[in-house]
Structure formats: structure tokens, C-alpha cells
Amino acid sequence: MMAELGPVLALVALFLLVLALMAWGWRRRGRSQQHLPAPTTAALEELGETTTIGPFQAVYVSTVLAQQPLERVVAHTLGQRASARVSIGSAGTWHILREGARPLTIPADAVSEITAGPGMAGKFVGGDGILILRWRLGDQLLDTGLRLARREDHDLLLSRKEHP
């Protein structure tokens, strides 16, 4: 009986060590990204805009460093996956209302590109299933991924690249 307990305890200790290292890495990444300013969370109405497109159901996949789909941004809960509702205001501002996390509002003048790709940290679906919003937060260029519930909504938001 004692001979069997040793390997089990060693396995449990290894598992706890791996969890502790993961938590340490997550906190370390968050500290290294604290230079990023907090993004605005204001609703479109607070900014004097009306909703012209949406809201659409989506999954907020994550926000990563631009062109680095595996470098998740941890600061300000930007790396937290969540169900979301996506809207665009009359001036082109994007508002992403995330469940369990702070809303994210991206001003139209901060958006530099709207594309689609196979995925990023948090979700890979292949093809062009993830809508990718490239935008500037302070001096950092970021990519935010959204997986829209309906393909028609994805295509409509993707068409905004002609006039972000």
C-alpha cells in the first residue's frame, strides 16, 4: 500500500508545481504589460454615438500583440475569453460588451485594419473564422479576435475594412 502511495504523491506534487508555474507566468506576463494604458470602457451612448451596426453575438477570443497570435495580452483583462455582444457606433467606434469582464471600447481612429484569420491564442478554427481587429492602444499595436455567432454578421463586420 505504501509503495503505491509514493508515485501518487509525486504525481500530485508535480501537478501542483505545474499549476504554480503557470500562475507565476500569467502574473509575470501581466506585470510586463502594465505599461499599456487601460482601454476605455465607455458605452457608445456615453461617447455621444448611437449604435448603427449590431449588437451581434460573438465570442471575444482574446487580444494579442499585433502579428503575434500566441502572445496574449493579459493586462486589463484583455486576454480573458468571454461571450460578447459587438456593436459599432455612428462614428465607427467599436463597443464589445464582454460577460464576466470589463467592456472594451475601441475608438474608430484607433482601428488600423480589419481582417479575418484562422485563430489566435484562445481559439483556432481554421479558414477565416476569426474576425481580427487591429488597433492601437497607447503606442502598442494589438489584434483583437472575435468569433461571430453568424457568418452573415462576420461578413458584415469584415466589410467595415473599407471604411473603419
Protein backbone atom coordinates (compact mmCIF):
# COMPACT_ATOMS: atom_id res chain seq x y z
CA MET A 1 0.00 0.00 0.00
CA MET A 2 2.80 2.46 0.93
CA ALA A 3 4.71 1.55 -2.25
CA GLU A 4 1.73 2.75 -4.33
CA LEU A 5 1.32 5.96 -2.34
CA GLY A 6 4.79 7.32 -3.23
CA PRO A 7 4.23 7.63 -7.01
CA VAL A 8 0.75 9.09 -6.48
CA LEU A 9 2.11 11.77 -4.13
CA ALA A 10 4.93 12.52 -6.58
CA LEU A 11 2.40 12.94 -9.40
CA VAL A 12 0.21 15.24 -7.27
CA ALA A 13 3.29 17.31 -6.32
CA LEU A 14 4.29 17.58 -10.00
CA PHE A 15 0.78 18.66 -10.95
CA LEU A 16 0.74 21.35 -8.24
CA LEU A 17 4.17 22.56 -9.35
CA VAL A 18 2.98 22.90 -12.95
CA LEU A 19 -0.10 24.86 -11.81
CA ALA A 20 2.07 27.16 -9.68
CA LEU A 21 4.44 27.79 -12.61
CA MET A 22 1.50 28.59 -14.90
CA ALA A 23 0.10 31.09 -12.38
CA TRP A 24 3.54 32.64 -11.94
CA GLY A 25 3.93 33.02 -15.72
CA TRP A 26 0.49 34.62 -16.07
CA ARG A 27 1.26 37.17 -13.32
CA ARG A 28 4.69 37.86 -14.79
CA ARG A 29 3.21 38.50 -18.23
CA GLY A 30 0.62 40.84 -16.70
CA ARG A 31 3.34 42.83 -14.91
CA SER A 32 5.37 43.12 -18.11
CA GLN A 33 2.32 44.60 -19.89
CA GLN A 34 1.35 47.15 -17.24
CA HIS A 35 2.81 49.92 -19.42
CA LEU A 36 -0.29 49.62 -21.59
CA PRO A 37 -2.89 52.24 -20.72
CA ALA A 38 -6.28 50.95 -19.67
CA PRO A 39 -8.64 50.92 -22.66
CA THR A 40 -11.85 52.86 -22.40
CA THR A 41 -14.97 51.02 -21.28
CA ALA A 42 -17.48 53.77 -22.09
CA ALA A 43 -20.71 52.78 -23.79
CA LEU A 44 -21.42 54.26 -27.23
CA GLU A 45 -24.15 56.49 -25.77
CA GLU A 46 -21.68 57.92 -23.25
CA LEU A 47 -19.47 58.93 -26.18
CA GLY A 48 -22.37 60.64 -27.95
CA GLU A 49 -22.79 57.91 -30.55
CA THR A 50 -25.75 55.79 -31.49
CA THR A 51 -25.49 52.12 -32.37
CA THR A 52 -25.63 51.76 -36.15
CA ILE A 53 -24.47 48.14 -36.52
CA GLY A 54 -25.27 45.35 -34.08
CA PRO A 55 -25.29 44.21 -31.42
CA PHE A 56 -24.15 40.81 -32.62
CA GLN A 57 -23.48 37.72 -30.50
CA ALA A 58 -19.85 36.68 -30.53
CA VAL A 59 -17.08 35.07 -28.58
CA TYR A 60 -14.38 37.51 -27.58
CA VAL A 61 -11.39 35.25 -28.23
CA SER A 62 -8.60 37.45 -26.85
CA THR A 63 -6.34 40.36 -27.58
CA VAL A 64 -2.78 39.63 -28.62
CA LEU A 65 0.23 41.66 -29.69
CA ALA A 66 -0.17 42.57 -33.38
CA GLN A 67 1.05 39.86 -35.76
CA GLN A 68 1.88 37.59 -32.81
CA PRO A 69 -1.22 35.38 -32.50
CA LEU A 70 0.11 33.46 -29.48
CA GLU A 71 1.26 36.48 -27.39
CA ARG A 72 -1.88 37.09 -25.35
CA VAL A 73 -2.25 40.49 -23.65
CA VAL A 74 -3.02 39.78 -20.00
CA ALA A 75 -3.15 43.38 -18.72
CA HIS A 76 -6.59 44.98 -18.17
CA THR A 77 -8.38 41.61 -18.72
CA LEU A 78 -7.75 41.85 -22.47
CA GLY A 79 -6.65 38.23 -22.64
CA GLN A 80 -9.77 36.86 -20.98
CA ARG A 81 -12.06 34.85 -23.28
CA ALA A 82 -15.75 35.70 -22.90
CA SER A 83 -19.14 35.67 -24.55
CA ALA A 84 -19.74 39.10 -26.01
CA ARG A 85 -22.05 41.45 -27.86
CA VAL A 86 -20.38 43.56 -30.56
CA SER A 87 -21.72 46.91 -31.77
CA ILE A 88 -20.41 49.72 -33.95
CA GLY A 89 -21.38 53.32 -33.29
CA SER A 90 -22.28 56.11 -35.68
CA ALA A 91 -18.70 57.47 -35.66
CA GLY A 92 -17.20 54.00 -36.24
CA THR A 93 -16.37 53.22 -32.60
CA TRP A 94 -16.39 49.52 -31.74
CA HIS A 95 -18.00 48.51 -28.44
CA ILE A 96 -17.53 44.95 -27.16
CA LEU A 97 -19.65 44.12 -24.13
CA ARG A 98 -17.99 41.08 -22.52
CA GLU A 99 -19.63 38.78 -19.96
CA GLY A 100 -17.57 38.47 -16.80
CA ALA A 101 -15.04 41.10 -17.91
CA ARG A 102 -14.97 44.84 -18.42
CA PRO A 103 -16.42 46.13 -21.68
CA LEU A 104 -13.96 47.19 -24.36
CA THR A 105 -14.46 50.30 -26.48
CA ILE A 106 -12.17 50.88 -29.44
CA PRO A 107 -12.35 54.38 -30.97
CA ALA A 108 -12.65 54.48 -34.76
CA ASP A 109 -9.39 56.40 -35.12
CA ALA A 110 -7.51 53.67 -33.21
CA VAL A 111 -8.57 50.96 -35.70
CA SER A 112 -5.97 50.43 -38.40
CA GLU A 113 -7.15 47.21 -40.05
CA ILE A 114 -9.98 44.68 -40.04
CA THR A 115 -9.13 41.22 -41.35
CA ALA A 116 -10.02 37.60 -40.78
CA GLY A 117 -7.78 34.70 -39.88
CA PRO A 118 -7.73 31.11 -38.66
CA GLY A 119 -7.32 31.99 -34.99
CA MET A 120 -5.23 33.34 -32.16
CA ALA A 121 -4.40 32.50 -28.55
CA GLY A 122 -7.60 31.07 -27.14
CA LYS A 123 -9.23 29.66 -30.29
CA PHE A 124 -8.21 28.29 -33.67
CA VAL A 125 -10.98 27.43 -36.13
CA GLY A 126 -9.18 27.44 -39.47
CA GLY A 127 -10.02 29.34 -42.63
CA ASP A 128 -11.04 32.91 -41.93
CA GLY A 129 -13.35 32.17 -39.00
CA ILE A 130 -11.92 34.76 -36.58
CA LEU A 131 -12.55 38.45 -37.22
CA ILE A 132 -9.36 40.32 -36.30
CA LEU A 133 -9.46 43.95 -35.36
CA ARG A 134 -6.02 45.61 -35.43
CA TRP A 135 -5.93 48.73 -33.27
CA ARG A 136 -3.61 50.95 -31.31
CA LEU A 137 -3.64 51.22 -27.51
CA GLY A 138 -1.13 53.86 -26.48
CA ASP A 139 1.96 53.09 -28.54
CA GLN A 140 1.22 49.35 -28.83
CA LEU A 141 -0.46 47.77 -31.85
CA LEU A 142 -2.87 44.98 -30.83
CA ASP A 143 -5.06 42.38 -32.54
CA THR A 144 -8.43 41.55 -31.01
CA GLY A 145 -10.15 38.37 -32.17
CA LEU A 146 -13.90 37.85 -32.36
CA ARG A 147 -15.75 34.70 -33.38
CA LEU A 148 -19.18 35.84 -34.53
CA ALA A 149 -22.13 33.52 -33.96
CA ARG A 150 -23.42 34.00 -37.52
CA ARG A 151 -21.37 34.10 -40.73
CA GLU A 152 -23.50 36.96 -42.09
CA ASP A 153 -22.51 39.11 -39.09
CA HIS A 154 -18.84 38.18 -39.59
CA ASP A 155 -19.01 39.23 -43.27
CA LEU A 156 -20.80 42.50 -42.44
CA LEU A 157 -18.21 43.49 -39.84
CA LEU A 158 -15.38 42.40 -42.13
CA SER A 159 -16.78 44.72 -44.83
CA ARG A 160 -16.06 47.63 -42.45
CA LYS A 161 -12.42 47.41 -43.52
CA GLU A 162 -13.24 49.67 -46.47
CA HIS A 163 -14.45 52.36 -44.05
CA PRO A 164 -13.37 51.71 -40.47
